[in-house]
Amino acid sequence: MSKMATRSWSAEEKVAIVLSILRGELSMSEASRRHGVSYKTLLAWRDRFLKGGEAALKGKGPDAQVKALENENKQLKEALAEMALRVEVLKKLRRPS
């Protein structure tokens, strides 16, 4: 019994295949045969694609993550600046007159 060669699909290829299914251009069975991908794998790709779209519409997608990271970065920079200022004040207070 020989093993089937597994192919690695790029994200762009997966999206194109899933979109062709969602648009009704191909059925799941047709896409499976045409691209040599199991029906189960296509279901997983479709479900992940739809879940990602749902998260994006709920504000939990990559854009929301970037915004949250930018906000955290800003807060950390402000905290660092405050600490640097405190260090300078403490240095001046410790210097003998």
C-alpha atoms as a PDB file:
ATOM      1  CA  MET A   1       0.000   0.000   0.000  1.00  0.00           C
ATOM      2  CA  SER A   2       1.515   3.331  -1.050  1.00  0.00           C
ATOM      3  CA  LYS A   3       1.054   6.592   0.778  1.00  0.00           C
ATOM      4  CA  MET A   4      -0.382   9.541  -1.101  1.00  0.00           C
ATOM      5  CA  ALA A   5       2.036  12.429  -1.387  1.00  0.00           C
ATOM      6  CA  THR A   6       0.923  15.305   0.767  1.00  0.00           C
ATOM      7  CA  ARG A   7       1.002  18.749  -0.764  1.00  0.00           C
ATOM      8  CA  SER A   8       1.535  21.960   1.109  1.00  0.00           C
ATOM      9  CA  TRP A   9      -0.950  24.653   0.158  1.00  0.00           C
ATOM     10  CA  SER A  10      -0.217  28.355   0.524  1.00  0.00           C
ATOM     11  CA  ALA A  11      -2.716  30.568   2.297  1.00  0.00           C
ATOM     12  CA  GLU A  12      -3.541  32.240  -1.027  1.00  0.00           C
ATOM     13  CA  GLU A  13      -4.307  28.888  -2.661  1.00  0.00           C
ATOM     14  CA  LYS A  14      -6.517  27.822   0.232  1.00  0.00           C
ATOM     15  CA  VAL A  15      -8.426  31.119   0.096  1.00  0.00           C
ATOM     16  CA  ALA A  16      -8.937  30.804  -3.658  1.00  0.00           C
ATOM     17  CA  ILE A  17     -10.294  27.266  -3.312  1.00  0.00           C
ATOM     18  CA  VAL A  18     -12.568  28.168  -0.382  1.00  0.00           C
ATOM     19  CA  LEU A  19     -13.885  31.242  -2.202  1.00  0.00           C
ATOM     20  CA  SER A  20     -14.665  29.168  -5.292  1.00  0.00           C
ATOM     21  CA  ILE A  21     -16.731  26.881  -3.052  1.00  0.00           C
ATOM     22  CA  LEU A  22     -18.489  29.742  -1.253  1.00  0.00           C
ATOM     23  CA  ARG A  23     -19.294  31.476  -4.546  1.00  0.00           C
ATOM     24  CA  GLY A  24     -20.856  28.264  -5.832  1.00  0.00           C
ATOM     25  CA  GLU A  25     -18.314  27.914  -8.651  1.00  0.00           C
ATOM     26  CA  LEU A  26     -17.367  24.464  -7.348  1.00  0.00           C
ATOM     27  CA  SER A  27     -19.092  22.043  -5.030  1.00  0.00           C
ATOM     28  CA  MET A  28     -17.091  20.605  -2.164  1.00  0.00           C
ATOM     29  CA  SER A  29     -16.861  17.290  -4.023  1.00  0.00           C
ATOM     30  CA  GLU A  30     -15.716  18.965  -7.246  1.00  0.00           C
ATOM     31  CA  ALA A  31     -13.097  21.010  -5.428  1.00  0.00           C
ATOM     32  CA  SER A  32     -11.901  17.894  -3.630  1.00  0.00           C
ATOM     33  CA  ARG A  33     -11.422  15.994  -6.889  1.00  0.00           C
ATOM     34  CA  ARG A  34     -10.022  18.911  -8.886  1.00  0.00           C
ATOM     35  CA  HIS A  35      -7.434  19.938  -6.297  1.00  0.00           C
ATOM     36  CA  GLY A  36      -6.701  16.555  -4.757  1.00  0.00           C
ATOM     37  CA  VAL A  37      -7.740  17.698  -1.286  1.00  0.00           C
ATOM     38  CA  SER A  38      -9.874  15.578   0.986  1.00  0.00           C
ATOM     39  CA  TYR A  39     -13.441  16.628   1.632  1.00  0.00           C
ATOM     40  CA  LYS A  40     -12.671  16.784   5.364  1.00  0.00           C
ATOM     41  CA  THR A  41      -9.718  19.113   4.755  1.00  0.00           C
ATOM     42  CA  LEU A  42     -11.872  21.420   2.629  1.00  0.00           C
ATOM     43  CA  LEU A  43     -14.463  21.546   5.407  1.00  0.00           C
ATOM     44  CA  ALA A  44     -11.754  22.540   7.882  1.00  0.00           C
ATOM     45  CA  TRP A  45     -10.413  25.264   5.547  1.00  0.00           C
ATOM     46  CA  ARG A  46     -13.911  26.633   4.959  1.00  0.00           C
ATOM     47  CA  ASP A  47     -14.773  26.634   8.657  1.00  0.00           C
ATOM     48  CA  ARG A  48     -11.502  28.395   9.608  1.00  0.00           C
ATOM     49  CA  PHE A  49     -12.056  30.948   6.831  1.00  0.00           C
ATOM     50  CA  LEU A  50     -15.594  31.698   8.009  1.00  0.00           C
ATOM     51  CA  LYS A  51     -14.525  31.836  11.653  1.00  0.00           C
ATOM     52  CA  GLY A  52     -11.805  34.357  10.769  1.00  0.00           C
ATOM     53  CA  GLY A  53     -14.323  36.526   8.953  1.00  0.00           C
ATOM     54  CA  GLU A  54     -16.686  36.351  11.900  1.00  0.00           C
ATOM     55  CA  ALA A  55     -13.906  37.394  14.293  1.00  0.00           C
ATOM     56  CA  ALA A  56     -12.988  40.320  12.057  1.00  0.00           C
ATOM     57  CA  LEU A  57     -16.582  41.541  11.965  1.00  0.00           C
ATOM     58  CA  LYS A  58     -16.800  41.288  15.750  1.00  0.00           C
ATOM     59  CA  GLY A  59     -13.654  43.389  16.088  1.00  0.00           C
ATOM     60  CA  LYS A  60     -11.487  40.472  17.198  1.00  0.00           C
ATOM     61  CA  GLY A  61      -9.514  39.978  14.000  1.00  0.00           C
ATOM     62  CA  PRO A  62      -5.982  41.047  13.099  1.00  0.00           C
ATOM     63  CA  ASP A  63      -6.925  44.739  12.925  1.00  0.00           C
ATOM     64  CA  ALA A  64      -8.246  44.666  16.482  1.00  0.00           C
ATOM     65  CA  GLN A  65      -5.140  42.826  17.646  1.00  0.00           C
ATOM     66  CA  VAL A  66      -2.875  45.412  16.022  1.00  0.00           C
ATOM     67  CA  LYS A  67      -4.848  48.236  17.630  1.00  0.00           C
ATOM     68  CA  ALA A  68      -4.616  46.556  21.048  1.00  0.00           C
ATOM     69  CA  LEU A  69      -0.861  46.074  20.657  1.00  0.00           C
ATOM     70  CA  GLU A  70      -0.397  49.692  19.576  1.00  0.00           C
ATOM     71  CA  ASN A  71      -2.324  50.837  22.647  1.00  0.00           C
ATOM     72  CA  GLU A  72      -0.255  48.604  24.932  1.00  0.00           C
ATOM     73  CA  ASN A  73       2.948  49.895  23.298  1.00  0.00           C
ATOM     74  CA  LYS A  74       1.860  53.484  23.933  1.00  0.00           C
ATOM     75  CA  GLN A  75       1.111  52.736  27.587  1.00  0.00           C
ATOM     76  CA  LEU A  76       4.483  51.031  28.049  1.00  0.00           C
ATOM     77  CA  LYS A  77       6.329  53.971  26.477  1.00  0.00           C
ATOM     78  CA  GLU A  78       4.513  56.379  28.798  1.00  0.00           C
ATOM     79  CA  ALA A  79       5.378  54.237  31.835  1.00  0.00           C
ATOM     80  CA  LEU A  80       9.018  54.065  30.732  1.00  0.00           C
ATOM     81  CA  ALA A  81       9.184  57.842  30.299  1.00  0.00           C
ATOM     82  CA  GLU A  82       7.688  58.337  33.759  1.00  0.00           C
ATOM     83  CA  MET A  83      10.217  55.952  35.320  1.00  0.00           C
ATOM     84  CA  ALA A  84      13.115  57.647  33.513  1.00  0.00           C
ATOM     85  CA  LEU A  85      11.926  61.003  34.877  1.00  0.00           C
ATOM     86  CA  ARG A  86      11.730  59.586  38.408  1.00  0.00           C
ATOM     87  CA  VAL A  87      15.268  58.225  38.117  1.00  0.00           C
ATOM     88  CA  GLU A  88      16.559  61.650  37.071  1.00  0.00           C
ATOM     89  CA  VAL A  89      14.749  63.344  39.961  1.00  0.00           C
ATOM     90  CA  LEU A  90      16.178  60.801  42.434  1.00  0.00           C
ATOM     91  CA  LYS A  91      19.686  61.300  41.046  1.00  0.00           C
ATOM     92  CA  LYS A  92      19.412  65.061  41.558  1.00  0.00           C
ATOM     93  CA  LEU A  93      18.096  64.638  45.103  1.00  0.00           C
ATOM     94  CA  ARG A  94      21.012  62.363  46.063  1.00  0.00           C
ATOM     95  CA  ARG A  95      23.760  64.676  44.802  1.00  0.00           C
ATOM     96  CA  PRO A  96      25.543  66.470  47.583  1.00  0.00           C
ATOM     97  CA  SER A  97      25.143  70.238  47.457  1.00  0.00           C
END
